[in-house]
Amino acid sequence: MHLRRVKVAVIVSVLALVGVACSNSSSSTSAGGSSSSAGSYTGAPFTTLTQGTLLMASCLDYAPFENVKNGEPYGFDIDMTYAIAEKIGFTHDQVQWKKANFDTIFTAVANNAFDGVAAAATATGDLGAERAQVVTFSDYYYDARLSFAVNPAQTPDLTASDQMTSGQSVGVQKGTTGAKWAIDNLEPLGVTVKTYTVVTDAFRDLSAGNVTAVVNDEPSSYAIAQTMSDVKVVEAVGDVDKYAFAFAPTNQPLVDAWNWGLAQVIADGEYATIFQKYFPGTPVPSEYTPEGAGSASPSA
């Protein structure tokens, strides 16, 4: 959910056939970029914007889901993307990353600026329904809720969002579920909602005492709070939402292939391995375990 200023190294290896983009001159070919180690996808052929390449967009500044280190993207969304892409025939080097502004990332993918979005994108609730008017979501791959973070040194008695009063302010990332929740629940209390393009800027302002609190997705908030001694997550707020990958509505064959690859990653236990890497000690939700495979679909 985010915008970053880090250049991501992009390596393109055209090693096998993939369909040319869903643009005016594109045509369908066999699915995938290379043969998958887990067995080839046998569904309808799909296309990507560039033959032999899968171009994915993300904000790349939203730990633990996506970030950049030494010029390379990493995080839960990143590892999940590589794992799913491999199932449908793309090697690691055939996956490219493009940093994008989260506030415009959905309209951009709908207009074929990239093949897909892997950016901790909420696909449920009112905001998910609004986004689904623009993009086609994959099956769900993560359960999330929001959190309320404060600066205990500045507001030692503030331990819950409903304690906020008129004249105080809350930082949120523009275009996110946290922003919508704050507008719906805190603005009526007279709280000023301050939006940021990058959520880490909101936390820096919280640390500096420039905002009273921050509402943001819980896993990201905890990850950021671990790096800042004067920031503390004190409350979970809102409903549990679900994340999904996003694609252009004009490329349903790619969505179908992606869902197949996601199901394989869940069924063979690779999802659980990636989850425990980034969320150690947290139980893997049952729908994302081999035993619960198949229950993470929006239609389930």
C-alpha atoms as a PDB file:
ATOM      1  CA  MET A   1       0.000   0.000   0.000  1.00  0.00           C
ATOM      2  CA  HIS A   2       2.556   2.719  -0.801  1.00  0.00           C
ATOM      3  CA  LEU A   3       5.050   4.703  -2.939  1.00  0.00           C
ATOM      4  CA  ARG A   4       8.802   4.430  -2.800  1.00  0.00           C
ATOM      5  CA  ARG A   5      11.948   6.081  -4.166  1.00  0.00           C
ATOM      6  CA  VAL A   6      14.107   3.026  -4.447  1.00  0.00           C
ATOM      7  CA  LYS A   7      15.250   1.754  -7.777  1.00  0.00           C
ATOM      8  CA  VAL A   8      14.611  -1.956  -8.176  1.00  0.00           C
ATOM      9  CA  ALA A   9      16.983  -3.993 -10.256  1.00  0.00           C
ATOM     10  CA  VAL A  10      15.151  -5.555 -13.173  1.00  0.00           C
ATOM     11  CA  ILE A  11      16.540  -8.553 -14.997  1.00  0.00           C
ATOM     12  CA  VAL A  12      14.768  -9.772 -18.098  1.00  0.00           C
ATOM     13  CA  SER A  13      15.476 -13.244 -19.462  1.00  0.00           C
ATOM     14  CA  VAL A  14      13.363 -14.268 -22.412  1.00  0.00           C
ATOM     15  CA  LEU A  15      13.711 -18.021 -22.018  1.00  0.00           C
ATOM     16  CA  ALA A  16      10.371 -19.315 -23.252  1.00  0.00           C
ATOM     17  CA  LEU A  17       7.116 -18.354 -24.914  1.00  0.00           C
ATOM     18  CA  VAL A  18       4.509 -16.200 -23.254  1.00  0.00           C
ATOM     19  CA  GLY A  19       1.695 -14.414 -25.024  1.00  0.00           C
ATOM     20  CA  VAL A  20       2.263 -10.841 -26.085  1.00  0.00           C
ATOM     21  CA  ALA A  21       0.365  -8.216 -24.112  1.00  0.00           C
ATOM     22  CA  CYS A  22      -3.367  -7.646 -24.080  1.00  0.00           C
ATOM     23  CA  SER A  23      -2.685  -4.688 -26.325  1.00  0.00           C
ATOM     24  CA  ASN A  24      -3.906  -4.083 -29.843  1.00  0.00           C
ATOM     25  CA  SER A  25      -1.295  -6.283 -31.497  1.00  0.00           C
ATOM     26  CA  SER A  26      -1.151  -9.081 -28.932  1.00  0.00           C
ATOM     27  CA  SER A  27      -2.101 -12.683 -29.563  1.00  0.00           C
ATOM     28  CA  SER A  28      -2.543 -15.681 -27.281  1.00  0.00           C
ATOM     29  CA  THR A  29       0.139 -18.301 -26.970  1.00  0.00           C
ATOM     30  CA  SER A  30       0.909 -21.079 -24.527  1.00  0.00           C
ATOM     31  CA  ALA A  31       0.649 -20.075 -20.884  1.00  0.00           C
ATOM     32  CA  GLY A  32       3.626 -19.216 -18.738  1.00  0.00           C
ATOM     33  CA  GLY A  33       7.231 -18.276 -19.300  1.00  0.00           C
ATOM     34  CA  SER A  34       8.819 -21.694 -18.807  1.00  0.00           C
ATOM     35  CA  SER A  35       7.894 -25.134 -17.570  1.00  0.00           C
ATOM     36  CA  SER A  36       6.900 -25.225 -13.912  1.00  0.00           C
ATOM     37  CA  SER A  37       8.703 -27.502 -11.491  1.00  0.00           C
ATOM     38  CA  ALA A  38       5.343 -28.352  -9.918  1.00  0.00           C
ATOM     39  CA  GLY A  39       3.667 -29.327 -13.173  1.00  0.00           C
ATOM     40  CA  SER A  40       2.548 -27.173 -16.068  1.00  0.00           C
ATOM     41  CA  TYR A  41      -0.633 -25.151 -16.014  1.00  0.00           C
ATOM     42  CA  THR A  42      -3.093 -26.660 -18.468  1.00  0.00           C
ATOM     43  CA  GLY A  43      -5.809 -24.004 -18.439  1.00  0.00           C
ATOM     44  CA  ALA A  44      -6.601 -21.495 -21.154  1.00  0.00           C
ATOM     45  CA  PRO A  45      -3.596 -19.667 -22.636  1.00  0.00           C
ATOM     46  CA  PHE A  46      -2.900 -16.269 -21.096  1.00  0.00           C
ATOM     47  CA  THR A  47      -0.948 -13.222 -22.204  1.00  0.00           C
ATOM     48  CA  THR A  48       1.430 -10.763 -20.549  1.00  0.00           C
ATOM     49  CA  LEU A  49       2.520  -7.313 -21.630  1.00  0.00           C
ATOM     50  CA  THR A  50       5.925  -8.493 -22.796  1.00  0.00           C
ATOM     51  CA  GLN A  51       6.643 -11.958 -24.083  1.00  0.00           C
ATOM     52  CA  GLY A  52       8.537 -14.035 -21.530  1.00  0.00           C
ATOM     53  CA  THR A  53       8.115 -11.486 -18.707  1.00  0.00           C
ATOM     54  CA  LEU A  54       5.673 -10.950 -15.861  1.00  0.00           C
ATOM     55  CA  LEU A  55       5.609  -7.275 -14.801  1.00  0.00           C
ATOM     56  CA  MET A  56       4.229  -6.826 -11.284  1.00  0.00           C
ATOM     57  CA  ALA A  57       3.611  -3.506  -9.526  1.00  0.00           C
ATOM     58  CA  SER A  58       3.996  -2.830  -5.834  1.00  0.00           C
ATOM     59  CA  CYS A  59       4.700   0.046  -3.485  1.00  0.00           C
ATOM     60  CA  LEU A  60       7.913  -1.546  -2.242  1.00  0.00           C
ATOM     61  CA  ASP A  61       7.881   0.318   1.080  1.00  0.00           C
ATOM     62  CA  TYR A  62       5.407  -1.613   3.202  1.00  0.00           C
ATOM     63  CA  ALA A  63       7.140  -4.124   5.443  1.00  0.00           C
ATOM     64  CA  PRO A  64       6.685  -6.977   5.979  1.00  0.00           C
ATOM     65  CA  PHE A  65       4.787  -7.329   2.693  1.00  0.00           C
ATOM     66  CA  GLU A  66       7.081  -5.500   0.327  1.00  0.00           C
ATOM     67  CA  ASN A  67      10.311  -3.596   0.648  1.00  0.00           C
ATOM     68  CA  VAL A  68      13.709  -3.244  -1.001  1.00  0.00           C
ATOM     69  CA  LYS A  69      17.142  -4.208   0.267  1.00  0.00           C
ATOM     70  CA  ASN A  70      20.357  -3.840  -1.719  1.00  0.00           C
ATOM     71  CA  GLY A  71      18.275  -3.064  -4.796  1.00  0.00           C
ATOM     72  CA  GLU A  72      16.229  -6.261  -4.533  1.00  0.00           C
ATOM     73  CA  PRO A  73      12.559  -6.490  -3.538  1.00  0.00           C
ATOM     74  CA  TYR A  74      11.667  -8.730  -0.607  1.00  0.00           C
ATOM     75  CA  GLY A  75       8.705  -9.436   1.651  1.00  0.00           C
ATOM     76  CA  PHE A  76       5.670 -11.658   1.974  1.00  0.00           C
ATOM     77  CA  ASP A  77       3.990 -10.365  -1.196  1.00  0.00           C
ATOM     78  CA  ILE A  78       7.255 -10.627  -3.099  1.00  0.00           C
ATOM     79  CA  ASP A  79       7.915 -14.242  -2.088  1.00  0.00           C
ATOM     80  CA  MET A  80       4.307 -15.193  -2.778  1.00  0.00           C
ATOM     81  CA  THR A  81       4.522 -13.642  -6.242  1.00  0.00           C
ATOM     82  CA  TYR A  82       7.687 -15.553  -7.107  1.00  0.00           C
ATOM     83  CA  ALA A  83       6.165 -18.809  -5.825  1.00  0.00           C
ATOM     84  CA  ILE A  84       2.923 -18.425  -7.784  1.00  0.00           C
ATOM     85  CA  ALA A  85       4.708 -17.211 -10.916  1.00  0.00           C
ATOM     86  CA  GLU A  86       6.898 -20.298 -10.865  1.00  0.00           C
ATOM     87  CA  LYS A  87       3.834 -22.536 -10.737  1.00  0.00           C
ATOM     88  CA  ILE A  88       2.492 -21.023 -13.945  1.00  0.00           C
ATOM     89  CA  GLY A  89       5.802 -21.094 -15.761  1.00  0.00           C
ATOM     90  CA  PHE A  90       7.900 -18.025 -14.951  1.00  0.00           C
ATOM     91  CA  THR A  91      11.403 -18.200 -13.558  1.00  0.00           C
ATOM     92  CA  HIS A  92      12.509 -15.824 -10.787  1.00  0.00           C
ATOM     93  CA  ASP A  93      14.406 -13.683 -13.307  1.00  0.00           C
ATOM     94  CA  GLN A  94      11.365 -13.412 -15.572  1.00  0.00           C
ATOM     95  CA  VAL A  95       9.424 -11.550 -12.867  1.00  0.00           C
ATOM     96  CA  GLN A  96       9.972  -7.790 -13.059  1.00  0.00           C
ATOM     97  CA  TRP A  97       8.930  -5.236 -10.439  1.00  0.00           C
ATOM     98  CA  LYS A  98       7.662  -1.701 -10.927  1.00  0.00           C
ATOM     99  CA  LYS A  99       7.258   0.699  -8.020  1.00  0.00           C
ATOM    100  CA  ALA A 100       3.893   2.441  -8.089  1.00  0.00           C
ATOM    101  CA  ASN A 101       1.771   4.858  -6.083  1.00  0.00           C
ATOM    102  CA  PHE A 102      -0.811   2.830  -4.170  1.00  0.00           C
ATOM    103  CA  ASP A 103      -3.449   5.523  -4.624  1.00  0.00           C
ATOM    104  CA  THR A 104      -3.371   5.056  -8.424  1.00  0.00           C
ATOM    105  CA  ILE A 105      -2.089   1.495  -8.732  1.00  0.00           C
ATOM    106  CA  PHE A 106      -5.487  -0.056  -9.514  1.00  0.00           C
ATOM    107  CA  THR A 107      -6.412   2.271 -12.355  1.00  0.00           C
ATOM    108  CA  ALA A 108      -2.892   1.808 -13.710  1.00  0.00           C
ATOM    109  CA  VAL A 109      -3.110  -1.987 -13.864  1.00  0.00           C
ATOM    110  CA  ALA A 110      -6.601  -1.722 -15.356  1.00  0.00           C
ATOM    111  CA  ASN A 111      -5.028   0.371 -18.124  1.00  0.00           C
ATOM    112  CA  ASN A 112      -2.335  -2.270 -18.713  1.00  0.00           C
ATOM    113  CA  ALA A 113       0.558  -0.331 -17.187  1.00  0.00           C
ATOM    114  CA  PHE A 114       1.696  -3.668 -15.720  1.00  0.00           C
ATOM    115  CA  ASP A 115       0.473  -7.258 -15.616  1.00  0.00           C
ATOM    116  CA  GLY A 116      -0.582  -7.405 -11.983  1.00  0.00           C
ATOM    117  CA  VAL A 117      -0.462  -5.831  -8.535  1.00  0.00           C
ATOM    118  CA  ALA A 118       1.063  -7.441  -5.442  1.00  0.00           C
ATOM    119  CA  ALA A 119       0.697  -4.738  -2.802  1.00  0.00           C
ATOM    120  CA  ALA A 120      -1.215  -5.935   0.287  1.00  0.00           C
ATOM    121  CA  ALA A 121      -4.421  -4.840  -1.439  1.00  0.00           C
ATOM    122  CA  THR A 122      -7.680  -5.234   0.476  1.00  0.00           C
ATOM    123  CA  ALA A 123     -10.281  -6.941  -1.697  1.00  0.00           C
ATOM    124  CA  THR A 124     -13.160  -7.135   0.788  1.00  0.00           C
ATOM    125  CA  GLY A 125     -15.507  -4.647   2.426  1.00  0.00           C
ATOM    126  CA  ASP A 126     -16.738  -1.430   0.865  1.00  0.00           C
ATOM    127  CA  LEU A 127     -13.298  -0.414  -0.378  1.00  0.00           C
ATOM    128  CA  GLY A 128     -12.696  -3.844  -1.901  1.00  0.00           C
ATOM    129  CA  ALA A 129     -16.033  -3.638  -3.704  1.00  0.00           C
ATOM    130  CA  GLU A 130     -15.096  -0.194  -5.001  1.00  0.00           C
ATOM    131  CA  ARG A 131     -11.747  -1.459  -6.280  1.00  0.00           C
ATOM    132  CA  ALA A 132     -13.432  -4.469  -7.882  1.00  0.00           C
ATOM    133  CA  GLN A 133     -15.236  -2.047 -10.179  1.00  0.00           C
ATOM    134  CA  VAL A 134     -11.816  -1.218 -11.657  1.00  0.00           C
ATOM    135  CA  VAL A 135      -9.774  -4.436 -11.423  1.00  0.00           C
ATOM    136  CA  THR A 136     -10.273  -8.175 -11.241  1.00  0.00           C
ATOM    137  CA  PHE A 137      -9.047  -9.631  -7.965  1.00  0.00           C
ATOM    138  CA  SER A 138      -7.447 -13.026  -7.512  1.00  0.00           C
ATOM    139  CA  ASP A 139      -8.539 -15.419  -4.806  1.00  0.00           C
ATOM    140  CA  TYR A 140      -7.640 -14.215  -1.316  1.00  0.00           C
ATOM    141  CA  TYR A 141      -4.178 -14.853   0.080  1.00  0.00           C
ATOM    142  CA  TYR A 142      -4.014 -13.033   3.440  1.00  0.00           C
ATOM    143  CA  ASP A 143      -6.345 -12.083   6.307  1.00  0.00           C
ATOM    144  CA  ALA A 144      -5.720  -8.594   7.727  1.00  0.00           C
ATOM    145  CA  ARG A 145      -7.123  -6.117  10.189  1.00  0.00           C
ATOM    146  CA  LEU A 146      -6.307  -2.528  11.060  1.00  0.00           C
ATOM    147  CA  SER A 147      -4.412  -1.187  14.044  1.00  0.00           C
ATOM    148  CA  PHE A 148      -4.245   2.008  16.080  1.00  0.00           C
ATOM    149  CA  ALA A 149      -0.749   3.204  16.988  1.00  0.00           C
ATOM    150  CA  VAL A 150       0.295   6.050  19.295  1.00  0.00           C
ATOM    151  CA  ASN A 151       3.360   7.747  20.696  1.00  0.00           C
ATOM    152  CA  PRO A 152       3.239   6.915  24.452  1.00  0.00           C
ATOM    153  CA  ALA A 153       5.690   9.696  25.278  1.00  0.00           C
ATOM    154  CA  GLN A 154       3.354  12.263  23.731  1.00  0.00           C
ATOM    155  CA  THR A 155      -0.007  10.758  24.776  1.00  0.00           C
ATOM    156  CA  PRO A 156       0.574   8.273  27.632  1.00  0.00           C
ATOM    157  CA  ASP A 157      -3.153   7.985  28.431  1.00  0.00           C
ATOM    158  CA  LEU A 158      -4.299   7.347  24.855  1.00  0.00           C
ATOM    159  CA  THR A 159      -4.868   3.597  24.569  1.00  0.00           C
ATOM    160  CA  ALA A 160      -7.882   3.308  22.255  1.00  0.00           C
ATOM    161  CA  SER A 161      -9.153   5.045  19.155  1.00  0.00           C
ATOM    162  CA  ASP A 162     -12.476   6.038  20.716  1.00  0.00           C
ATOM    163  CA  GLN A 163     -10.555   8.140  23.257  1.00  0.00           C
ATOM    164  CA  MET A 164      -9.483  10.593  20.558  1.00  0.00           C
ATOM    165  CA  THR A 165     -10.967  14.065  20.797  1.00  0.00           C
ATOM    166  CA  SER A 166     -11.487  17.135  18.672  1.00  0.00           C
ATOM    167  CA  GLY A 167      -8.268  18.894  17.771  1.00  0.00           C
ATOM    168  CA  GLN A 168      -6.209  15.722  17.621  1.00  0.00           C
ATOM    169  CA  SER A 169      -4.985  14.204  14.337  1.00  0.00           C
ATOM    170  CA  VAL A 170      -4.471  10.771  12.856  1.00  0.00           C
ATOM    171  CA  GLY A 171      -2.091   9.795  10.061  1.00  0.00           C
ATOM    172  CA  VAL A 172      -3.168   7.360   7.337  1.00  0.00           C
ATOM    173  CA  GLN A 173      -1.936   6.236   3.950  1.00  0.00           C
ATOM    174  CA  LYS A 174      -3.882   7.702   1.068  1.00  0.00           C
ATOM    175  CA  GLY A 175      -6.329   5.344  -0.661  1.00  0.00           C
ATOM    176  CA  THR A 176      -6.187   2.604   1.998  1.00  0.00           C
ATOM    177  CA  THR A 177      -8.707   0.892   4.240  1.00  0.00           C
ATOM    178  CA  GLY A 178      -7.037   2.666   7.154  1.00  0.00           C
ATOM    179  CA  ALA A 179      -7.828   6.020   5.570  1.00  0.00           C
ATOM    180  CA  LYS A 180     -11.453   5.076   5.005  1.00  0.00           C
ATOM    181  CA  TRP A 181     -11.828   3.746   8.550  1.00  0.00           C
ATOM    182  CA  ALA A 182     -10.360   6.923  10.036  1.00  0.00           C
ATOM    183  CA  ILE A 183     -12.620   9.126   7.937  1.00  0.00           C
ATOM    184  CA  ASP A 184     -15.695   7.096   8.906  1.00  0.00           C
ATOM    185  CA  ASN A 185     -14.890   6.670  12.599  1.00  0.00           C
ATOM    186  CA  LEU A 186     -12.565   9.450  13.749  1.00  0.00           C
ATOM    187  CA  GLU A 187     -13.526  12.489  11.681  1.00  0.00           C
ATOM    188  CA  PRO A 188     -16.982  12.536  13.324  1.00  0.00           C
ATOM    189  CA  LEU A 189     -15.145  12.960  16.651  1.00  0.00           C
ATOM    190  CA  GLY A 190     -13.509  16.130  15.340  1.00  0.00           C
ATOM    191  CA  VAL A 191     -10.202  14.383  14.619  1.00  0.00           C
ATOM    192  CA  THR A 192      -8.233  15.647  11.623  1.00  0.00           C
ATOM    193  CA  VAL A 193      -7.295  12.896   9.168  1.00  0.00           C
ATOM    194  CA  LYS A 194      -3.903  13.577   7.588  1.00  0.00           C
ATOM    195  CA  THR A 195      -3.057  11.513   4.504  1.00  0.00           C
ATOM    196  CA  TYR A 196       0.376  10.376   3.335  1.00  0.00           C
ATOM    197  CA  THR A 197       1.551   8.806   0.103  1.00  0.00           C
ATOM    198  CA  VAL A 198       3.958   6.572   2.046  1.00  0.00           C
ATOM    199  CA  VAL A 199       2.804   5.127   5.364  1.00  0.00           C
ATOM    200  CA  THR A 200       6.273   5.287   6.912  1.00  0.00           C
ATOM    201  CA  ASP A 201       6.024   9.082   6.687  1.00  0.00           C
ATOM    202  CA  ALA A 202       2.925   8.932   8.869  1.00  0.00           C
ATOM    203  CA  PHE A 203       4.840   6.975  11.493  1.00  0.00           C
ATOM    204  CA  ARG A 204       7.743   9.432  11.338  1.00  0.00           C
ATOM    205  CA  ASP A 205       5.286  12.239  12.037  1.00  0.00           C
ATOM    206  CA  LEU A 206       3.850  10.204  14.910  1.00  0.00           C
ATOM    207  CA  SER A 207       7.337   9.783  16.336  1.00  0.00           C
ATOM    208  CA  ALA A 208       7.955  13.523  15.979  1.00  0.00           C
ATOM    209  CA  GLY A 209       4.659  14.427  17.625  1.00  0.00           C
ATOM    210  CA  ASN A 210       3.167  15.919  14.463  1.00  0.00           C
ATOM    211  CA  VAL A 211       0.146  13.586  14.554  1.00  0.00           C
ATOM    212  CA  THR A 212      -1.554  11.997  17.536  1.00  0.00           C
ATOM    213  CA  ALA A 213      -1.979   8.488  16.130  1.00  0.00           C
ATOM    214  CA  VAL A 214      -1.722   6.335  13.006  1.00  0.00           C
ATOM    215  CA  VAL A 215      -4.292   3.885  11.635  1.00  0.00           C
ATOM    216  CA  ASN A 216      -2.731   1.280   9.374  1.00  0.00           C
ATOM    217  CA  ASP A 217      -2.786  -2.451   8.611  1.00  0.00           C
ATOM    218  CA  GLU A 218      -1.752  -4.367  11.717  1.00  0.00           C
ATOM    219  CA  PRO A 219       1.197  -6.454  10.382  1.00  0.00           C
ATOM    220  CA  SER A 220       2.792  -3.410   8.789  1.00  0.00           C
ATOM    221  CA  SER A 221       2.268  -1.312  11.914  1.00  0.00           C
ATOM    222  CA  TYR A 222       3.938  -3.889  14.136  1.00  0.00           C
ATOM    223  CA  ALA A 223       6.866  -4.191  11.716  1.00  0.00           C
ATOM    224  CA  ILE A 224       7.372  -0.427  11.682  1.00  0.00           C
ATOM    225  CA  ALA A 225       6.907  -0.083  15.448  1.00  0.00           C
ATOM    226  CA  GLN A 226       9.736  -2.570  15.984  1.00  0.00           C
ATOM    227  CA  THR A 227      12.088  -0.046  14.366  1.00  0.00           C
ATOM    228  CA  MET A 228      10.834   2.975  16.347  1.00  0.00           C
ATOM    229  CA  SER A 229      11.198   3.090  20.136  1.00  0.00           C
ATOM    230  CA  ASP A 230       8.587   5.821  20.582  1.00  0.00           C
ATOM    231  CA  VAL A 231       5.766   4.181  18.592  1.00  0.00           C
ATOM    232  CA  LYS A 232       3.417   1.553  20.004  1.00  0.00           C
ATOM    233  CA  VAL A 233       0.467  -0.367  18.549  1.00  0.00           C
ATOM    234  CA  VAL A 234      -2.231  -0.292  21.236  1.00  0.00           C
ATOM    235  CA  GLU A 235      -5.425  -1.532  19.575  1.00  0.00           C
ATOM    236  CA  ALA A 236      -6.815  -3.595  16.717  1.00  0.00           C
ATOM    237  CA  VAL A 237      -9.672  -1.787  14.962  1.00  0.00           C
ATOM    238  CA  GLY A 238     -12.156  -2.473  12.201  1.00  0.00           C
ATOM    239  CA  ASP A 239     -13.169  -5.742  10.614  1.00  0.00           C
ATOM    240  CA  VAL A 240     -10.909  -8.501   9.323  1.00  0.00           C
ATOM    241  CA  ASP A 241     -10.261  -7.892   5.633  1.00  0.00           C
ATOM    242  CA  LYS A 242      -8.636 -10.091   3.017  1.00  0.00           C
ATOM    243  CA  TYR A 243      -5.875  -9.288   0.560  1.00  0.00           C
ATOM    244  CA  ALA A 244      -5.824 -10.313  -3.090  1.00  0.00           C
ATOM    245  CA  PHE A 245      -3.634  -9.743  -6.126  1.00  0.00           C
ATOM    246  CA  ALA A 246      -5.139  -7.401  -8.744  1.00  0.00           C
ATOM    247  CA  PHE A 247      -5.209  -7.670 -12.538  1.00  0.00           C
ATOM    248  CA  ALA A 248      -6.722  -5.919 -15.527  1.00  0.00           C
ATOM    249  CA  PRO A 249     -10.343  -7.008 -16.125  1.00  0.00           C
ATOM    250  CA  THR A 250      -9.391  -7.653 -19.752  1.00  0.00           C
ATOM    251  CA  ASN A 251      -6.986 -10.456 -18.812  1.00  0.00           C
ATOM    252  CA  GLN A 252      -9.185 -13.076 -17.142  1.00  0.00           C
ATOM    253  CA  PRO A 253      -7.009 -15.960 -18.457  1.00  0.00           C
ATOM    254  CA  LEU A 254      -4.066 -14.601 -16.438  1.00  0.00           C
ATOM    255  CA  VAL A 255      -6.278 -14.314 -13.348  1.00  0.00           C
ATOM    256  CA  ASP A 256      -7.405 -17.919 -13.800  1.00  0.00           C
ATOM    257  CA  ALA A 257      -3.816 -19.105 -14.124  1.00  0.00           C
ATOM    258  CA  TRP A 258      -2.787 -17.063 -11.080  1.00  0.00           C
ATOM    259  CA  ASN A 259      -5.555 -18.562  -8.976  1.00  0.00           C
ATOM    260  CA  TRP A 260      -4.436 -22.032 -10.023  1.00  0.00           C
ATOM    261  CA  GLY A 261      -0.854 -21.205  -9.047  1.00  0.00           C
ATOM    262  CA  LEU A 262      -1.977 -19.750  -5.699  1.00  0.00           C
ATOM    263  CA  ALA A 263      -3.944 -22.915  -4.969  1.00  0.00           C
ATOM    264  CA  GLN A 264      -0.848 -25.000  -5.688  1.00  0.00           C
ATOM    265  CA  VAL A 265       1.305 -22.867  -3.373  1.00  0.00           C
ATOM    266  CA  ILE A 266      -1.240 -23.332  -0.576  1.00  0.00           C
ATOM    267  CA  ALA A 267      -1.799 -27.042  -1.197  1.00  0.00           C
ATOM    268  CA  ASP A 268       1.874 -28.015  -1.209  1.00  0.00           C
ATOM    269  CA  GLY A 269       2.662 -26.122   1.988  1.00  0.00           C
ATOM    270  CA  GLU A 270       4.855 -23.449   0.399  1.00  0.00           C
ATOM    271  CA  TYR A 271       2.418 -20.755   1.547  1.00  0.00           C
ATOM    272  CA  ALA A 272       2.839 -21.885   5.172  1.00  0.00           C
ATOM    273  CA  THR A 273       6.621 -21.742   4.825  1.00  0.00           C
ATOM    274  CA  ILE A 274       6.531 -18.187   3.441  1.00  0.00           C
ATOM    275  CA  PHE A 275       3.983 -17.094   6.054  1.00  0.00           C
ATOM    276  CA  GLN A 276       6.084 -18.357   8.942  1.00  0.00           C
ATOM    277  CA  LYS A 277       9.146 -16.626   7.488  1.00  0.00           C
ATOM    278  CA  TYR A 278       7.511 -13.198   7.740  1.00  0.00           C
ATOM    279  CA  PHE A 279       5.071 -13.776  10.619  1.00  0.00           C
ATOM    280  CA  PRO A 280       6.989 -16.086  12.959  1.00  0.00           C
ATOM    281  CA  GLY A 281       4.950 -17.456  15.817  1.00  0.00           C
ATOM    282  CA  THR A 282       1.625 -16.549  14.191  1.00  0.00           C
ATOM    283  CA  PRO A 283      -0.587 -19.523  13.271  1.00  0.00           C
ATOM    284  CA  VAL A 284      -1.274 -19.893   9.564  1.00  0.00           C
ATOM    285  CA  PRO A 285      -5.016 -19.293   8.968  1.00  0.00           C
ATOM    286  CA  SER A 286      -6.711 -22.599   8.205  1.00  0.00           C
ATOM    287  CA  GLU A 287      -7.857 -21.588   4.724  1.00  0.00           C
ATOM    288  CA  TYR A 288      -4.226 -21.152   3.696  1.00  0.00           C
ATOM    289  CA  THR A 289      -3.060 -24.570   4.901  1.00  0.00           C
ATOM    290  CA  PRO A 290      -2.934 -27.759   2.799  1.00  0.00           C
ATOM    291  CA  GLU A 291      -5.855 -29.097   4.855  1.00  0.00           C
ATOM    292  CA  GLY A 292      -7.969 -26.012   4.119  1.00  0.00           C
ATOM    293  CA  ALA A 293      -6.818 -25.485   0.547  1.00  0.00           C
ATOM    294  CA  GLY A 294      -9.589 -24.237  -1.707  1.00  0.00           C
ATOM    295  CA  SER A 295     -11.466 -22.243   0.934  1.00  0.00           C
ATOM    296  CA  ALA A 296      -9.688 -18.934   0.243  1.00  0.00           C
ATOM    297  CA  SER A 297     -11.668 -18.163  -2.909  1.00  0.00           C
ATOM    298  CA  PRO A 298     -13.928 -15.085  -2.823  1.00  0.00           C
ATOM    299  CA  SER A 299     -16.773 -17.425  -3.757  1.00  0.00           C
ATOM    300  CA  ALA A 300     -16.005 -19.888  -0.958  1.00  0.00           C
END
